[in-house]
Every structure is written in structure tokens, then in C-alpha cells.
Amino acid sequence: MRLEVGIERLGEDGMELELRGLGHDFGPLTVLDDVSFSVRESEIVSVIGPSGCGKSTLLAIAGGLIAPSRGSAFTVGVPSAASLNPFTFVFQDAGLLPWRTVAGNVALALEDRLPSRKEQAEIIEEVLERTGLRGFAQAYPKQLSGGMKQRVGIARALAARPAFLLMDEPLSAVDAQTRELLMEEFLALWLRERVSILYVTHNLDEAVRLSDRIVVLSRRPGRVREIIDVGIPQAERGHPDVASELSALQHDIWNLLRSEARNADRELLSVERADV
């Protein structure tokens, strides 16, 4: 039975993104199978798994970019008349238009739904302030570092006032030092904004340091191996006293992933040999 991606009734316990029994096929290839979990209001849920297990496909289904072959993805508690957009995306590549300034790129999130230039300008100024970009409003993408470009991508997403922010490996294209800084800034921003986030990553450190819960997927077809509650408030994760707990959790997740990743690599190698 195939069900739609959509918005359900207004809930009484806050907004929630529900994924139920999701499966997806590309022709004869099944990439996801019976995936179920939720993202609650003001929660960061990370999805991690071996390469090719369907993480990005899962995110696209959650945000309504593609329809699932099986199961359903829907939101609960998002009023249809609200100013909130259900979803906005942040990808590996910030996707900035080179002929537009930072402010102009952020404006892309507003132009189709907010005709008033004055209101647009107010929101842009506010979101650039919140993301530390106020002094770069008139800069062009070619003048920005990789980390700054990602900040602009996040600012553009926040300008749309999403109910849920869907992020597909947003820090994978930056160097290690920039990634560390962006993680700190991202967490500080989330502590202020409390937007609900579904965060796809291949990086264990990102998942453990940022998330409330971590969904571990198996190799293809991606199935839920385990859903892990981190159990440490994000505001406390920079404290030395919890470093050993986070390290132990990262080790436990790697133990779950190691055999899945190894088998995924073997299967990929077998396919490549068969194609030769």
C-alpha cells in the first residue's frame, strides 16, 4: 500500500515529523525497508549508516521531494494556515547564486511567499544577525570561505521559518577546523532557536555531539538497527566531565556500524567486479 507525504491533524503535544514503515525502490533496487521513527518538536535527530544505505533518500522522502514506494511520512501539529513552512533543506553544497549577495541569497527563501520588500528586509537583517553574518550582507559568494557559505545556507533556511529543518551532511565539504567551529556555532544557534532538525551525517562525532537521538541504519536496504538516546543535554556537551560518556557512546555506535560498513563495501566491490 502506498501512502502520501503530507500534513496531518493539529496535535496537542507540539509538532512532530512521523516516518512510518518507509520503504523505497529505485527500479529493482530496494534502498530503504520498513524505516520508522519520529522527530519531535525542538529535537535534533541524526541518521547515520554505511554509504549507500539510503540516508539521503530518507531525507528527501521526509521533506516531500520524492514519494515513498511504501509507508508514509507526515507532520503532526503544523497548522496549515501558519507562517511556518513545513520543511527547508540544507545540503552539502550551500547552493548560493554567485550573482547575488549574501542578503540576496537569503531573500530567495522569502520572495515567493512574502511580497513586501520591507518585511523581507526585516527578516533578512534579523536572520543575518542571528547567524553572525550581519557584516557580510553585501558580500558575494566568491568572497566567502566554505564555512561562511554554509552559514549563508543555514541563514536562508531559517529565514523561511521552517517547522522542520532537514540537513544532508551540511559539514562534510569543509575542512576539519572549520567543521569544528561550525559545530559549535550550529549548536549555539540551535540552543537559541530550538528548531526541530532531521540531520543526515556519516560522521559519528557530529551525530553524538549534536543529537538528542541517533537513528542507526543498516547497510542497503537501510533498516533501523537501533535508535539511541544520547541522554546528555546539548548545553552540557562541551563540559570535560561528559567527554568520556560521549566518547564511549561514539565507540558503541561504531561497534554497531563496523560490520555493516564492511559488508556494504564488500557488496559494492562485488557489483563493480560484476560490471567489468
C-alpha atoms as a PDB file:
ATOM      1  CA  MET A   1       0.000   0.000   0.000  1.00  0.00           C
ATOM      2  CA  ARG A   2       1.389   3.388  -0.982  1.00  0.00           C
ATOM      3  CA  LEU A   3       0.602   6.389   1.200  1.00  0.00           C
ATOM      4  CA  GLU A   4       1.238  10.087   0.671  1.00  0.00           C
ATOM      5  CA  VAL A   5       3.668  12.500   2.224  1.00  0.00           C
ATOM      6  CA  GLY A   6       1.562  15.204   3.819  1.00  0.00           C
ATOM      7  CA  ILE A   7       0.361  17.158   6.816  1.00  0.00           C
ATOM      8  CA  GLU A   8      -1.951  15.530   9.360  1.00  0.00           C
ATOM      9  CA  ARG A   9      -4.254  16.970  12.020  1.00  0.00           C
ATOM     10  CA  LEU A  10      -3.135  19.568  14.541  1.00  0.00           C
ATOM     11  CA  GLY A  11      -1.616  17.743  17.505  1.00  0.00           C
ATOM     12  CA  GLU A  12      -1.949  18.667  21.162  1.00  0.00           C
ATOM     13  CA  ASP A  13       1.605  17.811  22.162  1.00  0.00           C
ATOM     14  CA  GLY A  14       3.563  20.019  19.755  1.00  0.00           C
ATOM     15  CA  MET A  15       4.801  19.463  16.241  1.00  0.00           C
ATOM     16  CA  GLU A  16       6.144  16.113  15.153  1.00  0.00           C
ATOM     17  CA  LEU A  17       7.503  14.552  11.978  1.00  0.00           C
ATOM     18  CA  GLU A  18       6.459  10.904  11.691  1.00  0.00           C
ATOM     19  CA  LEU A  19       8.063   8.314   9.409  1.00  0.00           C
ATOM     20  CA  ARG A  20       6.160   5.021   9.400  1.00  0.00           C
ATOM     21  CA  GLY A  21       7.144   1.854   7.597  1.00  0.00           C
ATOM     22  CA  LEU A  22       9.068   3.710   4.897  1.00  0.00           C
ATOM     23  CA  GLY A  23      10.384   1.679   2.014  1.00  0.00           C
ATOM     24  CA  HIS A  24      11.746   2.858  -1.309  1.00  0.00           C
ATOM     25  CA  ASP A  25      12.858   1.209  -4.530  1.00  0.00           C
ATOM     26  CA  PHE A  26      14.803   2.525  -7.480  1.00  0.00           C
ATOM     27  CA  GLY A  27      13.704   0.041 -10.120  1.00  0.00           C
ATOM     28  CA  PRO A  28      14.681  -3.428  -8.867  1.00  0.00           C
ATOM     29  CA  LEU A  29      16.954  -1.972  -6.159  1.00  0.00           C
ATOM     30  CA  THR A  30      15.470  -1.603  -2.661  1.00  0.00           C
ATOM     31  CA  VAL A  31      17.305   1.156  -0.778  1.00  0.00           C
ATOM     32  CA  LEU A  32      15.060   1.535   2.289  1.00  0.00           C
ATOM     33  CA  ASP A  33      12.918  -1.039   4.070  1.00  0.00           C
ATOM     34  CA  ASP A  34      10.410  -0.583   6.917  1.00  0.00           C
ATOM     35  CA  VAL A  35      12.003   2.528   8.455  1.00  0.00           C
ATOM     36  CA  SER A  36      10.013   4.072  11.320  1.00  0.00           C
ATOM     37  CA  PHE A  37      10.905   6.847  13.754  1.00  0.00           C
ATOM     38  CA  SER A  38       9.834  10.381  14.659  1.00  0.00           C
ATOM     39  CA  VAL A  39      11.320  13.842  15.141  1.00  0.00           C
ATOM     40  CA  ARG A  40       9.674  15.692  17.997  1.00  0.00           C
ATOM     41  CA  GLU A  41       9.395  19.444  18.428  1.00  0.00           C
ATOM     42  CA  SER A  42      12.716  21.171  19.285  1.00  0.00           C
ATOM     43  CA  GLU A  43      14.617  17.902  18.835  1.00  0.00           C
ATOM     44  CA  ILE A  44      17.701  17.059  16.778  1.00  0.00           C
ATOM     45  CA  VAL A  45      17.576  13.526  15.380  1.00  0.00           C
ATOM     46  CA  SER A  46      20.576  12.303  13.397  1.00  0.00           C
ATOM     47  CA  VAL A  47      20.543   9.472  10.883  1.00  0.00           C
ATOM     48  CA  ILE A  48      23.808   7.614  10.407  1.00  0.00           C
ATOM     49  CA  GLY A  49      24.698   4.486   8.461  1.00  0.00           C
ATOM     50  CA  PRO A  50      27.034   2.994   5.842  1.00  0.00           C
ATOM     51  CA  SER A  51      27.438   4.603   2.431  1.00  0.00           C
ATOM     52  CA  GLY A  52      24.574   3.704   0.107  1.00  0.00           C
ATOM     53  CA  CYS A  53      22.098   2.788   2.864  1.00  0.00           C
ATOM     54  CA  GLY A  54      19.514   5.355   1.758  1.00  0.00           C
ATOM     55  CA  LYS A  55      20.146   8.229   4.185  1.00  0.00           C
ATOM     56  CA  SER A  56      19.706  10.997   1.611  1.00  0.00           C
ATOM     57  CA  THR A  57      16.719   9.212   0.071  1.00  0.00           C
ATOM     58  CA  LEU A  58      15.148   9.064   3.525  1.00  0.00           C
ATOM     59  CA  LEU A  59      15.622  12.815   3.947  1.00  0.00           C
ATOM     60  CA  ALA A  60      14.104  13.513   0.526  1.00  0.00           C
ATOM     61  CA  ILE A  61      11.052  11.411   1.425  1.00  0.00           C
ATOM     62  CA  ALA A  62      10.709  13.139   4.803  1.00  0.00           C
ATOM     63  CA  GLY A  63      10.661  16.528   3.087  1.00  0.00           C
ATOM     64  CA  GLY A  64       8.265  15.520   0.332  1.00  0.00           C
ATOM     65  CA  LEU A  65      10.768  15.720  -2.531  1.00  0.00           C
ATOM     66  CA  ILE A  66      10.002  12.140  -3.529  1.00  0.00           C
ATOM     67  CA  ALA A  67       7.118   9.827  -2.641  1.00  0.00           C
ATOM     68  CA  PRO A  68       7.958   6.582  -0.837  1.00  0.00           C
ATOM     69  CA  SER A  69       7.326   3.242  -2.503  1.00  0.00           C
ATOM     70  CA  ARG A  70       5.827   2.044   0.785  1.00  0.00           C
ATOM     71  CA  GLY A  71       4.811   3.627   4.070  1.00  0.00           C
ATOM     72  CA  SER A  72       4.207   7.259   4.949  1.00  0.00           C
ATOM     73  CA  ALA A  73       5.891  10.460   6.082  1.00  0.00           C
ATOM     74  CA  PHE A  74       3.765  13.195   7.600  1.00  0.00           C
ATOM     75  CA  THR A  75       3.767  16.015  10.123  1.00  0.00           C
ATOM     76  CA  VAL A  76       1.503  16.363  13.133  1.00  0.00           C
ATOM     77  CA  GLY A  77       0.724  19.681  14.759  1.00  0.00           C
ATOM     78  CA  VAL A  78       1.752  22.065  11.946  1.00  0.00           C
ATOM     79  CA  PRO A  79      -1.204  24.406  11.326  1.00  0.00           C
ATOM     80  CA  SER A  80      -1.852  24.731   7.595  1.00  0.00           C
ATOM     81  CA  ALA A  81      -2.507  28.466   7.975  1.00  0.00           C
ATOM     82  CA  ALA A  82       0.663  29.133   9.969  1.00  0.00           C
ATOM     83  CA  SER A  83       3.522  31.261   8.715  1.00  0.00           C
ATOM     84  CA  LEU A  84       5.782  28.231   9.149  1.00  0.00           C
ATOM     85  CA  ASN A  85       6.905  26.275   6.109  1.00  0.00           C
ATOM     86  CA  PRO A  86       6.804  22.564   6.958  1.00  0.00           C
ATOM     87  CA  PHE A  87      10.368  21.943   5.698  1.00  0.00           C
ATOM     88  CA  THR A  88      13.501  23.629   4.466  1.00  0.00           C
ATOM     89  CA  PHE A  89      16.685  21.861   3.384  1.00  0.00           C
ATOM     90  CA  VAL A  90      20.392  22.469   3.933  1.00  0.00           C
ATOM     91  CA  PHE A  91      22.657  20.376   1.687  1.00  0.00           C
ATOM     92  CA  GLN A  92      26.402  19.677   1.462  1.00  0.00           C
ATOM     93  CA  ASP A  93      26.688  22.439  -1.119  1.00  0.00           C
ATOM     94  CA  ALA A  94      25.114  25.688   0.057  1.00  0.00           C
ATOM     95  CA  GLY A  95      23.841  26.257  -3.494  1.00  0.00           C
ATOM     96  CA  LEU A  96      24.367  30.024  -3.470  1.00  0.00           C
ATOM     97  CA  LEU A  97      23.704  32.061  -6.604  1.00  0.00           C
ATOM     98  CA  PRO A  98      27.035  33.709  -7.498  1.00  0.00           C
ATOM     99  CA  TRP A  99      25.425  36.874  -8.887  1.00  0.00           C
ATOM    100  CA  ARG A 100      23.528  37.531  -5.650  1.00  0.00           C
ATOM    101  CA  THR A 101      24.878  38.978  -2.428  1.00  0.00           C
ATOM    102  CA  VAL A 102      24.553  37.194   0.903  1.00  0.00           C
ATOM    103  CA  ALA A 103      21.364  39.162   1.593  1.00  0.00           C
ATOM    104  CA  GLY A 104      20.101  38.391  -1.904  1.00  0.00           C
ATOM    105  CA  ASN A 105      20.663  34.666  -1.446  1.00  0.00           C
ATOM    106  CA  VAL A 106      18.831  34.678   1.879  1.00  0.00           C
ATOM    107  CA  ALA A 107      15.994  36.567   0.180  1.00  0.00           C
ATOM    108  CA  LEU A 108      15.380  33.546  -2.069  1.00  0.00           C
ATOM    109  CA  ALA A 109      13.566  31.898   0.840  1.00  0.00           C
ATOM    110  CA  LEU A 110      11.120  34.805   1.033  1.00  0.00           C
ATOM    111  CA  GLU A 111      10.455  36.155  -2.443  1.00  0.00           C
ATOM    112  CA  ASP A 112       7.714  33.724  -3.468  1.00  0.00           C
ATOM    113  CA  ARG A 113       5.702  33.985  -0.265  1.00  0.00           C
ATOM    114  CA  LEU A 114       6.371  37.460   1.106  1.00  0.00           C
ATOM    115  CA  PRO A 115       5.808  40.235  -1.462  1.00  0.00           C
ATOM    116  CA  SER A 116       6.630  43.120   0.878  1.00  0.00           C
ATOM    117  CA  ARG A 117      10.255  44.176   0.359  1.00  0.00           C
ATOM    118  CA  LYS A 118      10.188  45.887   3.742  1.00  0.00           C
ATOM    119  CA  GLU A 119       9.165  42.686   5.532  1.00  0.00           C
ATOM    120  CA  GLN A 120      11.778  40.734   3.577  1.00  0.00           C
ATOM    121  CA  ALA A 121      14.483  43.198   4.611  1.00  0.00           C
ATOM    122  CA  GLU A 122      13.474  42.972   8.271  1.00  0.00           C
ATOM    123  CA  ILE A 123      13.613  39.176   8.282  1.00  0.00           C
ATOM    124  CA  ILE A 124      16.917  39.119   6.377  1.00  0.00           C
ATOM    125  CA  GLU A 125      18.510  41.565   8.811  1.00  0.00           C
ATOM    126  CA  GLU A 126      17.256  39.542  11.762  1.00  0.00           C
ATOM    127  CA  VAL A 127      18.443  36.176  10.457  1.00  0.00           C
ATOM    128  CA  LEU A 128      21.865  37.519   9.417  1.00  0.00           C
ATOM    129  CA  GLU A 129      22.277  38.886  12.926  1.00  0.00           C
ATOM    130  CA  ARG A 130      21.340  35.527  14.458  1.00  0.00           C
ATOM    131  CA  THR A 131      23.801  33.626  12.255  1.00  0.00           C
ATOM    132  CA  GLY A 132      26.728  36.032  12.662  1.00  0.00           C
ATOM    133  CA  LEU A 133      26.554  37.297   9.073  1.00  0.00           C
ATOM    134  CA  ARG A 134      25.380  40.853   9.595  1.00  0.00           C
ATOM    135  CA  GLY A 135      28.657  42.367   8.377  1.00  0.00           C
ATOM    136  CA  PHE A 136      28.581  40.274   5.187  1.00  0.00           C
ATOM    137  CA  ALA A 137      25.148  41.205   3.824  1.00  0.00           C
ATOM    138  CA  GLN A 138      26.579  42.789   0.662  1.00  0.00           C
ATOM    139  CA  ALA A 139      29.345  40.232   0.087  1.00  0.00           C
ATOM    140  CA  TYR A 140      29.214  37.838  -2.878  1.00  0.00           C
ATOM    141  CA  PRO A 141      29.741  34.055  -2.613  1.00  0.00           C
ATOM    142  CA  LYS A 142      33.168  34.240  -4.301  1.00  0.00           C
ATOM    143  CA  GLN A 143      34.329  36.401  -1.385  1.00  0.00           C
ATOM    144  CA  LEU A 144      33.317  33.827   1.233  1.00  0.00           C
ATOM    145  CA  SER A 145      35.057  30.780   2.673  1.00  0.00           C
ATOM    146  CA  GLY A 146      33.403  27.367   2.563  1.00  0.00           C
ATOM    147  CA  GLY A 147      32.293  27.738   6.163  1.00  0.00           C
ATOM    148  CA  MET A 148      30.803  31.162   5.531  1.00  0.00           C
ATOM    149  CA  LYS A 149      28.868  29.818   2.548  1.00  0.00           C
ATOM    150  CA  GLN A 150      27.349  27.128   4.750  1.00  0.00           C
ATOM    151  CA  ARG A 151      26.351  29.788   7.269  1.00  0.00           C
ATOM    152  CA  VAL A 152      24.517  31.591   4.462  1.00  0.00           C
ATOM    153  CA  GLY A 153      22.756  28.337   3.536  1.00  0.00           C
ATOM    154  CA  ILE A 154      21.628  27.893   7.136  1.00  0.00           C
ATOM    155  CA  ALA A 155      20.533  31.548   7.329  1.00  0.00           C
ATOM    156  CA  ARG A 156      18.459  31.122   4.168  1.00  0.00           C
ATOM    157  CA  ALA A 157      16.819  28.013   5.626  1.00  0.00           C
ATOM    158  CA  LEU A 158      15.983  29.785   8.888  1.00  0.00           C
ATOM    159  CA  ALA A 159      14.560  32.796   7.029  1.00  0.00           C
ATOM    160  CA  ALA A 160      11.822  30.509   5.699  1.00  0.00           C
ATOM    161  CA  ARG A 161      10.765  29.863   9.317  1.00  0.00           C
ATOM    162  CA  PRO A 162      10.523  26.101   8.891  1.00  0.00           C
ATOM    163  CA  ALA A 163       8.732  23.760  11.229  1.00  0.00           C
ATOM    164  CA  PHE A 164      11.468  21.208  10.461  1.00  0.00           C
ATOM    165  CA  LEU A 165      14.987  21.768   9.169  1.00  0.00           C
ATOM    166  CA  LEU A 166      16.282  18.870   7.053  1.00  0.00           C
ATOM    167  CA  MET A 167      20.073  18.755   6.779  1.00  0.00           C
ATOM    168  CA  ASP A 168      22.020  16.456   4.443  1.00  0.00           C
ATOM    169  CA  GLU A 169      25.668  16.221   5.562  1.00  0.00           C
ATOM    170  CA  PRO A 170      25.983  20.018   5.794  1.00  0.00           C
ATOM    171  CA  LEU A 171      29.515  19.963   7.231  1.00  0.00           C
ATOM    172  CA  SER A 172      31.066  17.285   5.025  1.00  0.00           C
ATOM    173  CA  ALA A 173      32.534  19.711   2.466  1.00  0.00           C
ATOM    174  CA  VAL A 174      34.531  21.873   4.907  1.00  0.00           C
ATOM    175  CA  ASP A 175      37.951  21.300   6.476  1.00  0.00           C
ATOM    176  CA  ALA A 176      38.347  19.892   9.992  1.00  0.00           C
ATOM    177  CA  GLN A 177      38.956  23.228  11.743  1.00  0.00           C
ATOM    178  CA  THR A 178      36.011  24.899  10.014  1.00  0.00           C
ATOM    179  CA  ARG A 179      33.834  21.897  10.798  1.00  0.00           C
ATOM    180  CA  GLU A 180      34.707  22.171  14.492  1.00  0.00           C
ATOM    181  CA  LEU A 181      33.837  25.879  14.546  1.00  0.00           C
ATOM    182  CA  LEU A 182      30.608  25.334  12.622  1.00  0.00           C
ATOM    183  CA  MET A 183      29.509  22.582  15.011  1.00  0.00           C
ATOM    184  CA  GLU A 184      29.989  24.939  17.954  1.00  0.00           C
ATOM    185  CA  GLU A 185      28.138  27.750  16.176  1.00  0.00           C
ATOM    186  CA  PHE A 186      25.383  25.424  14.988  1.00  0.00           C
ATOM    187  CA  LEU A 187      24.784  24.112  18.494  1.00  0.00           C
ATOM    188  CA  ALA A 188      24.733  27.634  19.958  1.00  0.00           C
ATOM    189  CA  LEU A 189      22.258  28.677  17.255  1.00  0.00           C
ATOM    190  CA  TRP A 190      20.034  25.663  17.935  1.00  0.00           C
ATOM    191  CA  LEU A 191      20.020  26.392  21.673  1.00  0.00           C
ATOM    192  CA  ARG A 192      18.564  29.824  20.812  1.00  0.00           C
ATOM    193  CA  GLU A 193      16.205  28.791  18.003  1.00  0.00           C
ATOM    194  CA  ARG A 194      15.112  25.296  19.110  1.00  0.00           C
ATOM    195  CA  VAL A 195      14.035  24.367  15.590  1.00  0.00           C
ATOM    196  CA  SER A 196      13.282  20.671  15.004  1.00  0.00           C
ATOM    197  CA  ILE A 197      16.026  19.067  12.903  1.00  0.00           C
ATOM    198  CA  LEU A 198      16.469  15.824  10.976  1.00  0.00           C
ATOM    199  CA  TYR A 199      20.217  15.615  10.365  1.00  0.00           C
ATOM    200  CA  VAL A 200      21.835  13.110   7.998  1.00  0.00           C
ATOM    201  CA  THR A 201      25.547  12.526   8.532  1.00  0.00           C
ATOM    202  CA  HIS A 202      28.277   9.937   8.061  1.00  0.00           C
ATOM    203  CA  ASN A 203      30.294  11.483  10.904  1.00  0.00           C
ATOM    204  CA  LEU A 204      29.984   9.850  14.332  1.00  0.00           C
ATOM    205  CA  ASP A 205      31.377  12.877  16.149  1.00  0.00           C
ATOM    206  CA  GLU A 206      28.731  15.171  14.643  1.00  0.00           C
ATOM    207  CA  ALA A 207      25.942  12.746  15.477  1.00  0.00           C
ATOM    208  CA  VAL A 208      26.984  12.303  19.104  1.00  0.00           C
ATOM    209  CA  ARG A 209      27.748  15.955  19.818  1.00  0.00           C
ATOM    210  CA  LEU A 210      24.670  17.462  18.187  1.00  0.00           C
ATOM    211  CA  SER A 211      21.806  14.998  18.545  1.00  0.00           C
ATOM    212  CA  ASP A 212      19.115  14.207  21.070  1.00  0.00           C
ATOM    213  CA  ARG A 213      18.638  10.818  19.406  1.00  0.00           C
ATOM    214  CA  ILE A 214      20.591   8.897  16.768  1.00  0.00           C
ATOM    215  CA  VAL A 215      18.977   6.531  14.261  1.00  0.00           C
ATOM    216  CA  VAL A 216      21.481   3.882  13.144  1.00  0.00           C
ATOM    217  CA  LEU A 217      20.695   2.341   9.752  1.00  0.00           C
ATOM    218  CA  SER A 218      21.933  -0.980   8.390  1.00  0.00           C
ATOM    219  CA  ARG A 219      23.615  -1.400   5.017  1.00  0.00           C
ATOM    220  CA  ARG A 220      21.337  -1.340   1.975  1.00  0.00           C
ATOM    221  CA  PRO A 221      18.443  -1.810   2.113  1.00  0.00           C
ATOM    222  CA  GLY A 222      18.550   0.614   5.014  1.00  0.00           C
ATOM    223  CA  ARG A 223      16.686  -0.655   8.067  1.00  0.00           C
ATOM    224  CA  VAL A 224      16.691   0.754  11.586  1.00  0.00           C
ATOM    225  CA  ARG A 225      19.328  -1.131  13.573  1.00  0.00           C
ATOM    226  CA  GLU A 226      18.881   0.929  16.709  1.00  0.00           C
ATOM    227  CA  ILE A 227      17.611   4.292  17.957  1.00  0.00           C
ATOM    228  CA  ILE A 228      19.949   5.695  20.603  1.00  0.00           C
ATOM    229  CA  ASP A 229      19.012   8.345  23.160  1.00  0.00           C
ATOM    230  CA  VAL A 230      22.127  10.426  23.846  1.00  0.00           C
ATOM    231  CA  GLY A 231      20.742  11.464  27.229  1.00  0.00           C
ATOM    232  CA  ILE A 232      23.029  14.467  27.804  1.00  0.00           C
ATOM    233  CA  PRO A 233      21.646  17.997  27.278  1.00  0.00           C
ATOM    234  CA  GLN A 234      23.383  19.766  24.381  1.00  0.00           C
ATOM    235  CA  ALA A 235      24.273  22.706  26.618  1.00  0.00           C
ATOM    236  CA  GLU A 236      26.438  20.380  28.753  1.00  0.00           C
ATOM    237  CA  ARG A 237      28.291  18.553  25.992  1.00  0.00           C
ATOM    238  CA  GLY A 238      31.293  20.852  25.974  1.00  0.00           C
ATOM    239  CA  HIS A 239      31.976  20.119  29.643  1.00  0.00           C
ATOM    240  CA  PRO A 240      35.032  17.913  30.365  1.00  0.00           C
ATOM    241  CA  ASP A 241      33.005  15.759  32.771  1.00  0.00           C
ATOM    242  CA  VAL A 242      30.859  14.348  29.954  1.00  0.00           C
ATOM    243  CA  ALA A 243      33.633  13.881  27.378  1.00  0.00           C
ATOM    244  CA  SER A 244      34.209  10.261  28.409  1.00  0.00           C
ATOM    245  CA  GLU A 245      30.474   9.477  28.146  1.00  0.00           C
ATOM    246  CA  LEU A 246      30.294  10.925  24.638  1.00  0.00           C
ATOM    247  CA  SER A 247      33.436   9.047  23.620  1.00  0.00           C
ATOM    248  CA  ALA A 248      32.010   5.769  24.946  1.00  0.00           C
ATOM    249  CA  LEU A 249      28.759   6.364  23.077  1.00  0.00           C
ATOM    250  CA  GLN A 250      30.658   7.061  19.873  1.00  0.00           C
ATOM    251  CA  HIS A 251      32.562   3.798  20.367  1.00  0.00           C
ATOM    252  CA  ASP A 252      29.317   1.862  20.909  1.00  0.00           C
ATOM    253  CA  ILE A 253      27.790   3.266  17.720  1.00  0.00           C
ATOM    254  CA  TRP A 254      30.906   2.407  15.745  1.00  0.00           C
ATOM    255  CA  ASN A 255      30.650  -1.167  17.019  1.00  0.00           C
ATOM    256  CA  LEU A 256      27.119  -1.250  15.578  1.00  0.00           C
ATOM    257  CA  LEU A 257      28.273   0.218  12.276  1.00  0.00           C
ATOM    258  CA  ARG A 258      31.575  -1.576  11.731  1.00  0.00           C
ATOM    259  CA  SER A 259      30.228  -4.838  10.332  1.00  0.00           C
ATOM    260  CA  GLU A 260      27.518  -3.010   8.371  1.00  0.00           C
ATOM    261  CA  ALA A 261      30.084  -0.719   6.750  1.00  0.00           C
ATOM    262  CA  ARG A 262      32.449  -3.597   5.970  1.00  0.00           C
ATOM    263  CA  ASN A 263      29.695  -5.670   4.361  1.00  0.00           C
ATOM    264  CA  ALA A 264      28.461  -2.643   2.408  1.00  0.00           C
ATOM    265  CA  ASP A 265      31.959  -2.155   0.967  1.00  0.00           C
ATOM    266  CA  ARG A 266      32.174  -5.845   0.029  1.00  0.00           C
ATOM    267  CA  GLU A 267      28.810  -5.714  -1.732  1.00  0.00           C
ATOM    268  CA  LEU A 268      29.850  -2.589  -3.654  1.00  0.00           C
ATOM    269  CA  LEU A 269      33.099  -4.258  -4.706  1.00  0.00           C
ATOM    270  CA  SER A 270      31.169  -7.334  -5.893  1.00  0.00           C
ATOM    271  CA  VAL A 271      28.880  -5.161  -8.015  1.00  0.00           C
ATOM    272  CA  GLU A 272      31.850  -3.321  -9.531  1.00  0.00           C
ATOM    273  CA  ARG A 273      33.557  -6.618 -10.419  1.00  0.00           C
ATOM    274  CA  ALA A 274      30.354  -7.945 -11.976  1.00  0.00           C
ATOM    275  CA  ASP A 275      30.165  -4.842 -14.176  1.00  0.00           C
ATOM    276  CA  VAL A 276      33.714  -5.252 -15.504  1.00  0.00           C
END
